[in-house]
Amino acid sequence: MTAGRPSLPRPQAATAARLATLLLVATSLLAGIAGGLLRAGVPLPAPPDSVWLGQAAVAHAALMICGFLGTVIGIERAVAVKRRWAFAAPLASASAGLLMLAGHARVGAWLAVCAAASFVAVNVVVVRRQTAAHTLLLLAGALAWLAGTLRFALADGGTSTLAWWFAFLVMTIAAERLEMTRLMRREPGAQAMLLGILAAIVTGAAASAAWPVVGGVLYGAALCLLAVWLGRFDIARRTVRAQGLSRYMAVCLLTGYLWLAVAGLAWAATAIGLPARDAALHALGLGFIVSMVMGHAPVILPAVARIKLQFGAHFYLPLALLHLSLALRLGPGAADPAWRALGAAGNAAAILLFAATVVVSALRWRTRTMATPAADDPPEPWTTPR
């Protein structure tokens, strides 16, 4: 310790680092939402010399996928492996988003590469501890993120970069669902079928740079097949008949799979020259990915952030708003910019409403536990099986 500069005790230092990372995550999320609204034609109040808002519009995809989702997934994985160095990945990806907002896009892009490379190392640890199909898929997803960030740093984005980034998220979700299907009796060949579909997604992403039509059509077709596989084999088909949190999660999953199929069709249509790019990107990014986030957050947050949530029917409100506003954006909004902007505003409102729902649910749990003796507490409602 340097004289005259006392260091924080280790628990306080860890808490400070966690809060700083969460602040960076929130910054990437809010800036990514603002940038997405601008790109959709929603006017936002801002000073005339506001630089960050323009940067947010340019870096919208990088902020949402790397700065926000990549950081959140990185934190979850770091908590799981229980290695201090594993937090380098989420810290780097969150910092990359801040640098992009500050106008240092090139430095931020290469820091995102470092984040993805660190994340690959974390997933190697996961595979060494448990070598299984789902952990190997997690590693493959991490490698897809690294491929996407490298393309982003070298070629300033493009469809191929987005294909790799979405492949990272899709394979991460597929790995989670594959692990959960172990609770079900699967048909022979179901796992091999899933791995073949995911291999087609990776092949489509790789081919998109040199052969955009062939790669895009293959990528879109594979997304459609993945939606069919998930709808057929996922345990959500059973848990949707349950009650409480289990049903809510199943509704999030099953509606997300419908949007995944829409995204696949739109991705292939875009590759052959049809005007379906908005549907391809946002049916996948909002309809599928964000729906998955809403479904898994009540289970993941207690484990990662050490907060407990009081589940209730109010969780369905942001989910309903997300799907209704997305249908508005991709339906009437495909032909009318005003409807598209209104739908995009509803998308943003759904995400913010979900964040508020989580905060209120955490406060409700805290209030209830403070008012009720611990011995009399009922079973925790967030520990329902996925």
Protein backbone atom coordinates (compact mmCIF):
# COMPACT_ATOMS: atom_id res chain seq x y z
CA MET A 1 0.00 0.00 0.00
CA THR A 2 1.34 3.45 -0.94
CA ALA A 3 1.89 5.81 1.98
CA GLY A 4 -0.85 8.39 2.35
CA ARG A 5 -3.22 6.47 0.00
CA PRO A 6 -5.06 3.87 2.07
CA SER A 7 -6.73 1.22 -0.06
CA LEU A 8 -10.31 0.08 0.31
CA PRO A 9 -10.93 -3.19 2.17
CA ARG A 10 -11.34 -6.05 -0.29
CA PRO A 11 -15.17 -6.39 0.10
CA GLN A 12 -15.63 -2.64 -0.40
CA ALA A 13 -13.30 -2.64 -3.40
CA ALA A 14 -15.25 -5.52 -4.95
CA THR A 15 -18.53 -3.70 -4.36
CA ALA A 16 -17.14 -0.50 -5.89
CA ALA A 17 -15.93 -2.41 -8.96
CA ARG A 18 -19.31 -4.14 -9.31
CA LEU A 19 -21.18 -0.82 -9.09
CA ALA A 20 -18.84 0.80 -11.61
CA THR A 21 -19.39 -2.04 -14.08
CA LEU A 22 -23.16 -1.89 -13.60
CA LEU A 23 -23.07 1.87 -14.21
CA LEU A 24 -21.20 1.28 -17.47
CA VAL A 25 -23.74 -1.40 -18.44
CA ALA A 26 -26.62 1.00 -17.79
CA THR A 27 -24.85 3.69 -19.82
CA SER A 28 -24.46 1.35 -22.81
CA LEU A 29 -28.09 0.26 -22.56
CA LEU A 30 -29.54 3.77 -22.33
CA ALA A 31 -27.24 5.12 -25.05
CA GLY A 32 -27.99 2.13 -27.27
CA ILE A 33 -31.73 2.71 -26.84
CA ALA A 34 -31.34 6.41 -27.61
CA GLY A 35 -29.27 5.63 -30.70
CA GLY A 36 -31.83 3.09 -31.87
CA LEU A 37 -34.64 5.62 -31.48
CA LEU A 38 -32.74 8.15 -33.58
CA ARG A 39 -32.14 5.56 -36.29
CA ALA A 40 -35.86 4.75 -36.30
CA GLY A 41 -36.77 8.41 -36.80
CA VAL A 42 -37.81 9.28 -33.24
CA PRO A 43 -36.75 12.87 -32.41
CA LEU A 44 -34.98 13.19 -29.06
CA PRO A 45 -34.38 16.37 -27.07
CA ALA A 46 -30.65 17.10 -26.99
CA PRO A 47 -28.34 20.14 -27.08
CA PRO A 48 -27.31 21.18 -30.61
CA ASP A 49 -23.66 20.34 -29.86
CA SER A 50 -24.43 16.92 -28.38
CA VAL A 51 -21.75 14.56 -29.67
CA TRP A 52 -22.61 11.43 -27.69
CA LEU A 53 -26.09 11.13 -29.18
CA GLY A 54 -24.72 11.00 -32.71
CA GLN A 55 -22.13 8.45 -31.61
CA ALA A 56 -24.90 6.42 -29.98
CA ALA A 57 -26.77 6.26 -33.28
CA VAL A 58 -23.65 5.19 -35.18
CA ALA A 59 -22.65 2.58 -32.58
CA HIS A 60 -26.19 1.38 -31.76
CA ALA A 61 -25.55 -2.32 -32.50
CA ALA A 62 -22.15 -2.36 -30.79
CA LEU A 63 -23.59 -0.70 -27.68
CA MET A 64 -26.50 -3.10 -27.40
CA ILE A 65 -24.68 -6.34 -28.26
CA CYS A 66 -21.15 -5.75 -26.91
CA GLY A 67 -21.55 -2.96 -24.37
CA PHE A 68 -24.78 -4.25 -22.82
CA LEU A 69 -25.53 -7.91 -23.58
CA GLY A 70 -21.90 -8.99 -23.87
CA THR A 71 -21.14 -7.37 -20.53
CA VAL A 72 -24.14 -8.92 -18.78
CA ILE A 73 -23.32 -12.39 -20.12
CA GLY A 74 -19.67 -11.85 -19.20
CA ILE A 75 -20.62 -11.00 -15.61
CA GLU A 76 -22.82 -14.08 -15.38
CA ARG A 77 -20.01 -16.33 -16.64
CA ALA A 78 -17.41 -14.69 -14.37
CA VAL A 79 -19.62 -15.27 -11.33
CA ALA A 80 -20.05 -18.91 -12.39
CA VAL A 81 -16.33 -19.68 -12.74
CA LYS A 82 -15.45 -17.76 -9.55
CA ARG A 83 -12.16 -16.42 -10.89
CA ARG A 84 -11.29 -12.79 -10.27
CA TRP A 85 -9.53 -12.40 -13.63
CA ALA A 86 -12.74 -13.50 -15.40
CA PHE A 87 -14.25 -10.08 -14.67
CA ALA A 88 -11.74 -8.53 -17.10
CA ALA A 89 -14.05 -9.47 -19.99
CA PRO A 90 -17.19 -7.62 -18.81
CA LEU A 91 -15.15 -4.67 -17.58
CA ALA A 92 -13.46 -4.36 -20.99
CA SER A 93 -16.71 -4.68 -22.97
CA ALA A 94 -18.47 -2.14 -20.77
CA SER A 95 -15.53 0.27 -21.11
CA ALA A 96 -15.53 -0.26 -24.89
CA GLY A 97 -19.08 1.06 -25.04
CA LEU A 98 -18.11 4.17 -23.10
CA LEU A 99 -15.17 4.83 -25.43
CA MET A 100 -17.43 4.54 -28.48
CA LEU A 101 -19.80 7.08 -26.97
CA ALA A 102 -16.89 9.42 -26.31
CA GLY A 103 -15.95 9.35 -29.99
CA HIS A 104 -13.02 6.91 -29.70
CA ALA A 105 -14.63 4.29 -31.92
CA ARG A 106 -11.40 2.60 -33.04
CA VAL A 107 -10.00 2.23 -29.52
CA GLY A 108 -13.39 1.02 -28.29
CA ALA A 109 -13.59 -1.55 -31.09
CA TRP A 110 -10.20 -3.04 -30.22
CA LEU A 111 -11.06 -3.05 -26.52
CA ALA A 112 -14.17 -5.05 -27.47
CA VAL A 113 -11.83 -7.53 -29.20
CA CYS A 114 -9.88 -7.84 -25.93
CA ALA A 115 -13.15 -8.39 -24.07
CA ALA A 116 -14.22 -11.16 -26.43
CA ALA A 117 -10.79 -12.81 -26.26
CA SER A 118 -10.92 -12.76 -22.45
CA PHE A 119 -14.42 -14.20 -22.61
CA VAL A 120 -13.14 -17.07 -24.76
CA ALA A 121 -10.57 -17.84 -22.04
CA VAL A 122 -13.32 -17.89 -19.42
CA ASN A 123 -15.31 -20.37 -21.47
CA VAL A 124 -12.25 -22.59 -21.87
CA VAL A 125 -12.29 -22.85 -18.07
CA VAL A 126 -15.97 -23.79 -18.20
CA VAL A 127 -15.29 -26.55 -20.75
CA ARG A 128 -12.38 -27.93 -18.72
CA ARG A 129 -14.59 -28.18 -15.67
CA GLN A 130 -17.46 -29.82 -17.54
CA THR A 131 -17.01 -31.06 -21.08
CA ALA A 132 -20.51 -31.38 -22.50
CA ALA A 133 -22.41 -30.34 -25.59
CA HIS A 134 -23.85 -27.22 -23.97
CA THR A 135 -20.50 -26.00 -22.58
CA LEU A 136 -18.85 -26.54 -25.97
CA LEU A 137 -21.66 -24.45 -27.49
CA LEU A 138 -20.93 -21.70 -24.97
CA LEU A 139 -17.30 -21.73 -26.11
CA ALA A 140 -18.39 -21.67 -29.76
CA GLY A 141 -20.59 -18.67 -29.01
CA ALA A 142 -17.66 -16.87 -27.39
CA LEU A 143 -15.54 -17.54 -30.48
CA ALA A 144 -18.35 -16.12 -32.65
CA TRP A 145 -18.29 -12.93 -30.56
CA LEU A 146 -14.52 -12.73 -31.05
CA ALA A 147 -14.92 -13.19 -34.81
CA GLY A 148 -17.53 -10.43 -34.91
CA THR A 149 -15.47 -7.97 -32.88
CA LEU A 150 -12.43 -8.62 -35.08
CA ARG A 151 -14.48 -7.87 -38.20
CA PHE A 152 -15.88 -4.78 -36.49
CA ALA A 153 -12.40 -3.52 -35.58
CA LEU A 154 -10.96 -4.25 -39.04
CA ALA A 155 -13.87 -3.47 -41.34
CA ASP A 156 -16.14 -1.06 -39.42
CA GLY A 157 -19.09 -3.41 -39.17
CA GLY A 158 -21.48 -4.63 -41.83
CA THR A 159 -23.87 -7.52 -42.22
CA SER A 160 -21.17 -10.12 -41.60
CA THR A 161 -20.26 -8.50 -38.28
CA LEU A 162 -23.90 -8.50 -37.19
CA ALA A 163 -24.27 -12.13 -38.25
CA TRP A 164 -21.33 -13.12 -36.04
CA TRP A 165 -22.59 -11.04 -33.10
CA PHE A 166 -26.07 -12.52 -33.31
CA ALA A 167 -24.55 -15.99 -33.67
CA PHE A 168 -22.85 -15.38 -30.31
CA LEU A 169 -26.17 -14.56 -28.64
CA VAL A 170 -28.14 -17.30 -30.41
CA MET A 171 -25.61 -20.01 -29.53
CA THR A 172 -25.48 -18.84 -25.91
CA ILE A 173 -29.27 -19.16 -25.67
CA ALA A 174 -29.26 -22.49 -27.53
CA ALA A 175 -26.66 -23.85 -25.09
CA GLU A 176 -28.84 -22.85 -22.15
CA ARG A 177 -31.91 -24.48 -23.68
CA LEU A 178 -29.95 -27.62 -24.65
CA GLU A 179 -28.91 -28.00 -21.03
CA MET A 180 -32.52 -27.67 -19.92
CA THR A 181 -33.80 -30.29 -22.40
CA ARG A 182 -31.88 -32.89 -20.43
CA LEU A 183 -34.94 -32.92 -18.19
CA MET A 184 -37.02 -34.15 -21.13
CA ARG A 185 -36.93 -37.38 -23.10
CA ARG A 186 -35.58 -36.26 -26.46
CA GLU A 187 -36.03 -38.04 -29.74
CA PRO A 188 -32.92 -39.81 -31.08
CA GLY A 189 -30.86 -37.42 -33.14
CA ALA A 190 -32.37 -34.24 -31.64
CA GLN A 191 -29.03 -33.02 -30.27
CA ALA A 192 -27.21 -33.81 -33.52
CA MET A 193 -29.93 -31.90 -35.38
CA LEU A 194 -29.42 -28.86 -33.16
CA LEU A 195 -25.65 -28.94 -33.62
CA GLY A 196 -26.13 -29.17 -37.39
CA ILE A 197 -28.43 -26.14 -37.36
CA LEU A 198 -25.96 -24.10 -35.31
CA ALA A 199 -23.14 -25.17 -37.64
CA ALA A 200 -25.23 -23.80 -40.52
CA ILE A 201 -25.61 -20.49 -38.66
CA VAL A 202 -21.83 -20.26 -38.24
CA THR A 203 -21.27 -21.18 -41.89
CA GLY A 204 -23.77 -18.55 -43.00
CA ALA A 205 -22.06 -15.90 -40.86
CA ALA A 206 -18.65 -16.84 -42.28
CA ALA A 207 -19.92 -16.84 -45.87
CA SER A 208 -21.71 -13.49 -45.54
CA ALA A 209 -18.52 -11.50 -46.10
CA ALA A 210 -17.54 -13.04 -49.44
CA TRP A 211 -20.91 -14.36 -50.68
CA PRO A 212 -23.59 -12.19 -49.02
CA VAL A 213 -26.54 -13.74 -50.87
CA VAL A 214 -25.58 -17.37 -50.22
CA GLY A 215 -24.43 -16.65 -46.67
CA GLY A 216 -27.52 -14.58 -45.84
CA VAL A 217 -29.97 -17.15 -47.17
CA LEU A 218 -28.22 -19.97 -45.31
CA TYR A 219 -28.11 -17.90 -42.12
CA GLY A 220 -31.82 -17.04 -42.34
CA ALA A 221 -32.84 -20.62 -43.14
CA ALA A 222 -30.82 -21.88 -40.16
CA LEU A 223 -32.55 -19.38 -37.85
CA CYS A 224 -35.93 -20.70 -39.04
CA LEU A 225 -34.85 -24.29 -38.41
CA LEU A 226 -33.60 -23.32 -34.95
CA ALA A 227 -37.01 -21.82 -34.16
CA VAL A 228 -38.66 -25.08 -35.20
CA TRP A 229 -36.22 -27.14 -33.10
CA LEU A 230 -36.73 -24.99 -30.01
CA GLY A 231 -40.50 -25.03 -30.43
CA ARG A 232 -40.44 -28.82 -30.76
CA PHE A 233 -37.95 -29.87 -28.09
CA ASP A 234 -37.77 -27.09 -25.49
CA ILE A 235 -39.10 -27.80 -22.01
CA ALA A 236 -41.13 -24.55 -22.26
CA ARG A 237 -43.78 -26.59 -24.09
CA ARG A 238 -44.51 -28.28 -20.77
CA THR A 239 -43.86 -25.46 -18.30
CA VAL A 240 -46.27 -23.13 -20.11
CA ARG A 241 -49.02 -25.20 -18.47
CA ALA A 242 -47.56 -24.52 -15.01
CA GLN A 243 -48.23 -21.50 -12.79
CA GLY A 244 -46.35 -18.41 -11.68
CA LEU A 245 -42.79 -17.80 -12.78
CA SER A 246 -42.51 -21.06 -14.71
CA ARG A 247 -45.42 -20.09 -16.97
CA TYR A 248 -44.11 -16.55 -17.42
CA MET A 249 -40.70 -17.83 -18.51
CA ALA A 250 -42.31 -20.30 -20.91
CA VAL A 251 -44.41 -17.52 -22.48
CA CYS A 252 -41.25 -15.42 -22.95
CA LEU A 253 -39.49 -18.34 -24.60
CA LEU A 254 -42.28 -19.52 -26.88
CA THR A 255 -43.16 -16.04 -28.15
CA GLY A 256 -39.44 -15.43 -28.69
CA TYR A 257 -39.24 -18.54 -30.87
CA LEU A 258 -41.99 -17.15 -33.10
CA TRP A 259 -39.99 -13.96 -33.62
CA LEU A 260 -36.90 -16.05 -34.31
CA ALA A 261 -38.72 -17.67 -37.22
CA VAL A 262 -39.78 -14.23 -38.50
CA ALA A 263 -36.18 -13.05 -38.22
CA GLY A 264 -34.95 -16.03 -40.22
CA LEU A 265 -37.40 -15.37 -43.04
CA ALA A 266 -36.57 -11.65 -43.04
CA TRP A 267 -32.81 -12.30 -42.98
CA ALA A 268 -33.03 -14.53 -46.04
CA ALA A 269 -35.34 -12.02 -47.77
CA THR A 270 -32.86 -9.21 -47.10
CA ALA A 271 -30.04 -11.29 -48.58
CA ILE A 272 -31.89 -11.60 -51.91
CA GLY A 273 -32.61 -7.88 -52.05
CA LEU A 274 -36.04 -7.46 -50.43
CA PRO A 275 -36.56 -4.51 -48.02
CA ALA A 276 -36.72 -6.56 -44.81
CA ARG A 277 -33.57 -5.47 -42.97
CA ASP A 278 -35.40 -3.84 -40.05
CA ALA A 279 -37.45 -6.99 -39.55
CA ALA A 280 -34.37 -9.21 -39.79
CA LEU A 281 -32.41 -7.28 -37.17
CA HIS A 282 -35.14 -6.38 -34.73
CA ALA A 283 -37.29 -9.51 -34.84
CA LEU A 284 -34.04 -11.21 -33.83
CA GLY A 285 -32.60 -8.58 -31.48
CA LEU A 286 -35.84 -7.50 -29.79
CA GLY A 287 -38.40 -10.22 -30.43
CA PHE A 288 -36.07 -13.12 -29.69
CA ILE A 289 -33.07 -11.87 -27.68
CA VAL A 290 -34.82 -9.33 -25.43
CA SER A 291 -37.70 -11.75 -24.87
CA MET A 292 -35.12 -14.30 -23.68
CA VAL A 293 -33.58 -11.68 -21.38
CA MET A 294 -36.97 -10.90 -19.87
CA GLY A 295 -37.63 -14.59 -19.33
CA HIS A 296 -34.31 -15.46 -17.71
CA ALA A 297 -33.71 -12.30 -15.67
CA PRO A 298 -35.87 -13.35 -12.66
CA VAL A 299 -33.65 -16.43 -12.24
CA ILE A 300 -30.25 -15.04 -13.27
CA LEU A 301 -30.36 -11.76 -11.32
CA PRO A 302 -30.64 -13.41 -7.89
CA ALA A 303 -27.58 -15.54 -8.66
CA VAL A 304 -25.47 -12.81 -10.27
CA ALA A 305 -26.49 -9.56 -8.58
CA ARG A 306 -27.44 -11.13 -5.23
CA ILE A 307 -30.89 -9.59 -5.26
CA LYS A 308 -34.19 -11.42 -4.96
CA LEU A 309 -37.32 -10.52 -6.89
CA GLN A 310 -40.95 -10.75 -5.85
CA PHE A 311 -42.53 -12.24 -8.95
CA GLY A 312 -46.04 -11.18 -9.93
CA ALA A 313 -48.36 -10.74 -12.89
CA HIS A 314 -46.91 -7.26 -13.46
CA PHE A 315 -43.95 -8.93 -15.21
CA TYR A 316 -46.26 -9.61 -18.17
CA LEU A 317 -46.78 -5.88 -18.85
CA PRO A 318 -43.37 -5.07 -20.37
CA LEU A 319 -43.42 -8.40 -22.23
CA ALA A 320 -46.80 -7.61 -23.81
CA LEU A 321 -45.67 -4.07 -24.67
CA LEU A 322 -42.50 -5.43 -26.30
CA HIS A 323 -44.33 -7.82 -28.60
CA LEU A 324 -47.20 -5.47 -29.46
CA SER A 325 -44.89 -2.54 -30.25
CA LEU A 326 -42.61 -4.80 -32.31
CA ALA A 327 -45.61 -6.04 -34.29
CA LEU A 328 -46.56 -2.40 -34.89
CA ARG A 329 -43.03 -1.53 -35.98
CA LEU A 330 -42.59 -4.44 -38.37
CA GLY A 331 -46.21 -4.53 -39.59
CA PRO A 332 -47.69 -1.10 -40.41
CA GLY A 333 -44.26 0.43 -39.74
CA ALA A 334 -42.78 -1.37 -42.74
CA ALA A 335 -44.74 0.95 -45.02
CA ASP A 336 -45.16 4.07 -42.86
CA PRO A 337 -42.18 5.77 -41.11
CA ALA A 338 -44.50 7.32 -38.50
CA TRP A 339 -45.78 3.90 -37.40
CA ARG A 340 -42.22 2.59 -37.44
CA ALA A 341 -41.10 5.39 -35.12
CA LEU A 342 -44.07 4.80 -32.82
CA GLY A 343 -43.28 1.08 -32.68
CA ALA A 344 -39.61 1.81 -31.91
CA ALA A 345 -40.67 4.13 -29.09
CA GLY A 346 -42.81 1.30 -27.73
CA ASN A 347 -39.82 -1.05 -27.93
CA ALA A 348 -37.75 1.35 -25.85
CA ALA A 349 -40.59 1.86 -23.38
CA ALA A 350 -40.91 -1.94 -22.95
CA ILE A 351 -37.22 -2.32 -22.06
CA LEU A 352 -37.31 0.59 -19.63
CA LEU A 353 -40.57 -0.67 -18.10
CA PHE A 354 -38.98 -4.08 -17.58
CA ALA A 355 -36.00 -2.47 -15.81
CA ALA A 356 -38.42 -0.56 -13.58
CA THR A 357 -40.37 -3.78 -12.92
CA VAL A 358 -37.19 -5.51 -11.76
CA VAL A 359 -36.34 -2.62 -9.41
CA VAL A 360 -39.86 -2.51 -7.94
CA SER A 361 -39.90 -6.30 -7.52
CA ALA A 362 -36.56 -6.21 -5.69
CA LEU A 363 -37.88 -3.49 -3.36
CA ARG A 364 -41.08 -5.45 -2.77
CA TRP A 365 -39.09 -8.53 -1.80
CA ARG A 366 -36.89 -6.50 0.53
CA THR A 367 -39.92 -4.84 2.15
CA ARG A 368 -41.66 -8.18 2.64
CA THR A 369 -38.66 -9.91 4.15
CA MET A 370 -38.05 -6.99 6.53
CA ALA A 371 -41.66 -7.16 7.68
CA THR A 372 -41.80 -10.97 8.04
CA PRO A 373 -39.64 -13.06 10.40
CA ALA A 374 -37.21 -15.26 8.47
CA ALA A 375 -38.61 -18.45 9.99
CA ASP A 376 -42.04 -17.66 8.60
CA ASP A 377 -40.91 -16.85 5.06
CA PRO A 378 -42.69 -18.88 2.38
CA PRO A 379 -40.67 -20.63 -0.36
CA GLU A 380 -38.83 -18.15 -2.55
CA PRO A 381 -40.91 -17.52 -5.70
CA TRP A 382 -37.90 -16.89 -7.92
CA THR A 383 -36.48 -20.38 -7.48
CA THR A 384 -38.94 -22.02 -9.84
CA PRO A 385 -37.35 -24.45 -12.29
CA ARG A 386 -36.63 -23.13 -15.79
